[in-house]
Amino acid sequence: MANINGAFGLRPMSKLGQGSNSTGTTGYTPYEIANDYSTAIYQGSPVIPLSTGYISLVGAAAGGSVSLVGAFMGCKYVSSTTGKTIWSNYWPGSGADSNHPVEAFVADDPMQLFVVATDASWTSKATARAAVFANANFSSGTSGSTTTGMSSAALAISTIATTAALHLRVMGWVDDPSNADFASAGIGAIVRLNNSFNSPEGSIAAGTPSTTGV
């Protein structure tokens, strides 16, 4: 039977080790989206830090060498038409009063584990087991729904490899009877971010995104 999961981007699940998981996010002045940033960022989208001090939707930044800072969970901004504060699960790419910041909420803990749907068949449970501890990239990492505000990012099965530069490390999958058909897309893969920008061992410099490599 086919899985019921559709793509939903990165969904915080738990943390590595014994630390408790509050499913909390960081939302304070350092995480901002530029008022004139016209690209939509959906809930669950992977985001990167820019050299300008803002965050941006993921891309093959600086040749693919920019680390992910985390998963975008929503934002707060002042409407340019009503002057009222807007709380939104996604950034629409416009509508903010330029006199006020666009504050972003990001799941940015480098120890955070996420669930992300697979974009294609994993063939079998044995094939999925062989992919654990391998790396992977996103499919549709920059798109989403303006109706739900949710990202359409998924784990691209075809990219699974040992390549360290890939964004995701596969840690397993969710034991979910409604999404247990390994011959279909939609398995809930458990992943963590490779080379997290907030990782204590150091990270790759912030940069400017392009539109490929996701």
Protein backbone atom coordinates (compact mmCIF):
# COMPACT_ATOMS: atom_id res chain seq x y z
CA MET A 1 0.00 0.00 0.00
CA ALA A 2 1.36 3.44 -0.91
CA ASN A 3 2.46 5.78 1.87
CA ILE A 4 0.24 8.70 2.89
CA ASN A 5 3.14 11.09 3.47
CA GLY A 6 3.56 13.99 1.09
CA ALA A 7 6.57 16.30 1.14
CA PHE A 8 6.70 18.65 4.15
CA GLY A 9 10.32 19.76 4.36
CA LEU A 10 12.34 19.27 7.54
CA ARG A 11 10.22 18.56 10.62
CA PRO A 12 12.02 18.66 14.00
CA MET A 13 11.77 15.29 15.73
CA SER A 14 14.25 14.79 18.57
CA LYS A 15 17.93 15.28 19.34
CA LEU A 16 20.99 13.11 19.29
CA GLY A 17 22.20 11.85 22.63
CA GLN A 18 20.41 12.26 25.93
CA GLY A 19 19.44 15.92 25.63
CA SER A 20 15.72 16.59 25.94
CA ASN A 21 13.91 17.85 22.87
CA SER A 22 11.73 20.92 23.31
CA THR A 23 11.14 21.18 19.53
CA GLY A 24 12.07 24.78 20.16
CA THR A 25 13.46 27.26 17.68
CA THR A 26 15.76 30.21 17.85
CA GLY A 27 14.00 33.46 17.12
CA TYR A 28 15.85 36.64 17.91
CA THR A 29 17.33 39.62 16.09
CA PRO A 30 20.37 37.85 14.54
CA TYR A 31 18.03 35.67 12.45
CA GLU A 32 16.41 38.04 10.00
CA ILE A 33 15.29 38.01 6.40
CA ALA A 34 16.06 41.13 4.39
CA ASN A 35 12.88 43.19 3.79
CA ASP A 36 13.52 43.19 0.06
CA TYR A 37 14.25 39.45 -0.20
CA SER A 38 11.65 38.46 -2.79
CA THR A 39 11.97 34.66 -2.65
CA ALA A 40 9.39 32.76 -0.59
CA ILE A 41 10.74 30.62 2.27
CA TYR A 42 8.38 27.89 3.41
CA GLN A 43 8.09 26.16 6.77
CA GLY A 44 10.54 23.26 6.83
CA SER A 45 12.80 24.80 4.19
CA PRO A 46 16.56 24.49 4.72
CA VAL A 47 18.12 27.94 5.15
CA ILE A 48 21.68 29.28 5.03
CA PRO A 49 23.47 32.28 6.52
CA LEU A 50 24.49 35.12 4.21
CA SER A 51 27.59 37.30 4.42
CA THR A 52 25.20 40.27 4.77
CA GLY A 53 24.01 39.00 8.15
CA TYR A 54 20.63 37.75 6.92
CA ILE A 55 19.41 34.24 6.20
CA SER A 56 18.31 32.92 2.83
CA LEU A 57 16.72 29.90 1.23
CA VAL A 58 19.20 27.09 0.54
CA GLY A 59 21.10 27.01 -2.74
CA ALA A 60 24.47 25.93 -4.06
CA ALA A 61 25.93 28.90 -2.27
CA ALA A 62 29.50 29.84 -3.12
CA GLY A 63 29.83 26.71 -5.21
CA GLY A 64 27.95 24.60 -2.67
CA SER A 65 30.30 25.36 0.22
CA VAL A 66 27.92 27.18 2.58
CA SER A 67 26.60 25.25 5.58
CA LEU A 68 22.93 25.06 6.50
CA VAL A 69 22.02 27.07 9.58
CA GLY A 70 18.83 25.05 10.13
CA ALA A 71 15.21 24.62 9.11
CA PHE A 72 12.92 27.63 8.72
CA MET A 73 9.89 27.40 11.01
CA GLY A 74 8.17 30.75 10.44
CA CYS A 75 8.55 34.49 10.80
CA LYS A 76 7.17 37.70 12.24
CA TYR A 77 6.98 41.03 10.42
CA VAL A 78 4.98 44.25 10.23
CA SER A 79 2.59 44.49 7.29
CA SER A 80 3.36 47.31 4.86
CA THR A 81 -0.38 47.78 4.19
CA THR A 82 -2.02 47.46 7.63
CA GLY A 83 0.86 48.29 9.96
CA LYS A 84 -0.06 45.25 12.05
CA THR A 85 2.27 42.45 13.14
CA ILE A 86 1.98 39.33 11.02
CA TRP A 87 2.89 35.90 12.38
CA SER A 88 3.31 33.46 9.51
CA ASN A 89 4.58 29.91 9.05
CA TYR A 90 6.25 31.04 5.81
CA TRP A 91 7.83 34.15 4.33
CA PRO A 92 5.79 35.15 1.23
CA GLY A 93 8.59 37.21 -0.35
CA SER A 94 6.92 40.60 0.06
CA GLY A 95 4.56 42.62 2.23
CA ALA A 96 6.88 43.74 5.03
CA ASP A 97 7.24 47.32 6.23
CA SER A 98 10.84 48.29 5.49
CA ASN A 99 11.05 50.19 8.78
CA HIS A 100 10.80 46.96 10.76
CA PRO A 101 12.79 43.71 10.70
CA VAL A 102 11.52 40.40 9.36
CA GLU A 103 12.33 38.12 12.31
CA ALA A 104 12.85 34.45 11.48
CA PHE A 105 12.39 31.38 13.65
CA VAL A 106 14.87 28.63 12.84
CA ALA A 107 15.38 25.10 14.20
CA ASP A 108 19.13 25.60 14.40
CA ASP A 109 20.50 23.15 16.97
CA PRO A 110 23.32 21.17 15.27
CA MET A 111 22.21 18.11 17.29
CA GLN A 112 18.63 18.31 16.02
CA LEU A 113 17.18 15.32 14.21
CA PHE A 114 14.53 15.91 11.56
CA VAL A 115 11.99 13.82 9.70
CA VAL A 116 11.85 14.36 5.93
CA ALA A 117 9.83 12.40 3.39
CA THR A 118 11.61 10.43 0.68
CA ASP A 119 10.89 11.60 -2.87
CA ALA A 120 10.94 8.12 -4.41
CA SER A 121 10.94 4.41 -3.63
CA TRP A 122 13.61 3.16 -1.24
CA THR A 123 13.02 -0.25 -2.89
CA SER A 124 13.12 -2.32 0.29
CA LYS A 125 13.86 -2.13 3.99
CA ALA A 126 17.22 -3.77 3.30
CA THR A 127 18.12 -1.02 0.83
CA ALA A 128 17.04 1.61 3.36
CA ARG A 129 19.18 -0.02 6.05
CA ALA A 130 22.21 0.13 3.74
CA ALA A 131 21.64 3.89 3.35
CA VAL A 132 21.83 4.60 7.09
CA PHE A 133 24.90 6.75 7.88
CA ALA A 134 25.21 7.72 4.22
CA ASN A 135 24.56 11.26 3.01
CA ALA A 136 21.94 12.76 0.71
CA ASN A 137 20.62 15.99 -0.76
CA PHE A 138 17.18 17.51 -1.09
CA SER A 139 14.79 17.34 -3.98
CA SER A 140 12.54 20.37 -4.51
CA GLY A 141 14.40 22.11 -1.70
CA THR A 142 13.37 25.62 -2.73
CA SER A 143 9.64 25.24 -3.39
CA GLY A 144 6.48 24.91 -1.34
CA SER A 145 2.77 25.71 -1.01
CA THR A 146 1.39 29.21 -0.50
CA THR A 147 -1.85 27.57 0.72
CA THR A 148 -0.34 25.56 3.58
CA GLY A 149 2.95 27.45 3.89
CA MET A 150 4.76 24.10 3.92
CA SER A 151 7.98 23.31 2.10
CA SER A 152 8.01 20.64 -0.60
CA ALA A 153 11.58 19.65 0.24
CA ALA A 154 12.13 15.90 0.37
CA LEU A 155 15.08 13.55 0.61
CA ALA A 156 16.30 12.77 -2.91
CA ILE A 157 16.82 9.00 -2.93
CA SER A 158 18.92 9.19 -6.10
CA THR A 159 21.54 11.35 -4.34
CA ILE A 160 22.35 8.96 -1.48
CA ALA A 161 26.13 8.56 -1.37
CA THR A 162 29.15 8.86 0.91
CA THR A 163 29.87 12.39 -0.35
CA ALA A 164 30.51 14.55 2.71
CA ALA A 165 29.33 17.77 1.04
CA LEU A 166 25.73 16.55 0.76
CA HIS A 167 23.38 18.38 3.12
CA LEU A 168 21.83 15.46 5.02
CA ARG A 169 23.08 12.47 7.01
CA VAL A 170 20.62 9.57 7.02
CA MET A 171 20.12 8.23 10.55
CA GLY A 172 17.18 5.88 10.05
CA TRP A 173 13.45 6.09 9.44
CA VAL A 174 10.26 6.55 11.45
CA ASP A 175 8.40 3.42 12.51
CA ASP A 176 5.03 4.45 11.09
CA PRO A 177 2.49 1.87 9.85
CA SER A 178 0.88 4.47 7.58
CA ASN A 179 4.19 5.14 5.85
CA ALA A 180 5.91 1.77 5.78
CA ASP A 181 5.87 0.89 2.08
CA PHE A 182 9.54 0.99 1.09
CA ALA A 183 8.55 0.41 -2.53
CA SER A 184 6.82 3.83 -2.59
CA ALA A 185 7.77 7.45 -1.97
CA GLY A 186 6.97 9.01 1.39
CA ILE A 187 8.98 7.02 3.92
CA GLY A 188 9.74 9.33 6.86
CA ALA A 189 13.54 9.38 6.88
CA ILE A 190 15.29 10.53 10.05
CA VAL A 191 18.17 12.87 9.20
CA ARG A 192 20.52 15.40 10.70
CA LEU A 193 22.29 18.30 9.01
CA ASN A 194 25.79 17.70 7.73
CA ASN A 195 28.33 20.48 8.41
CA SER A 196 25.85 22.53 10.44
CA PHE A 197 26.80 26.22 10.53
CA ASN A 198 26.35 26.17 14.32
CA SER A 199 28.44 23.06 14.83
CA PRO A 200 30.99 23.55 17.66
CA GLU A 201 33.87 22.14 15.60
CA GLY A 202 33.63 25.05 13.21
CA SER A 203 31.72 25.65 10.02
CA ILE A 204 31.98 26.91 6.50
CA ALA A 205 31.70 30.64 5.88
CA ALA A 206 28.43 32.40 5.10
CA GLY A 207 27.89 33.27 1.47
CA THR A 208 25.50 34.10 -1.33
CA PRO A 209 23.05 31.47 -2.67
CA SER A 210 22.44 30.48 -6.24
CA THR A 211 19.58 28.37 -7.55
CA THR A 212 21.12 24.93 -8.04
CA GLY A 213 22.39 22.05 -5.97
CA VAL A 214 19.30 21.31 -3.89
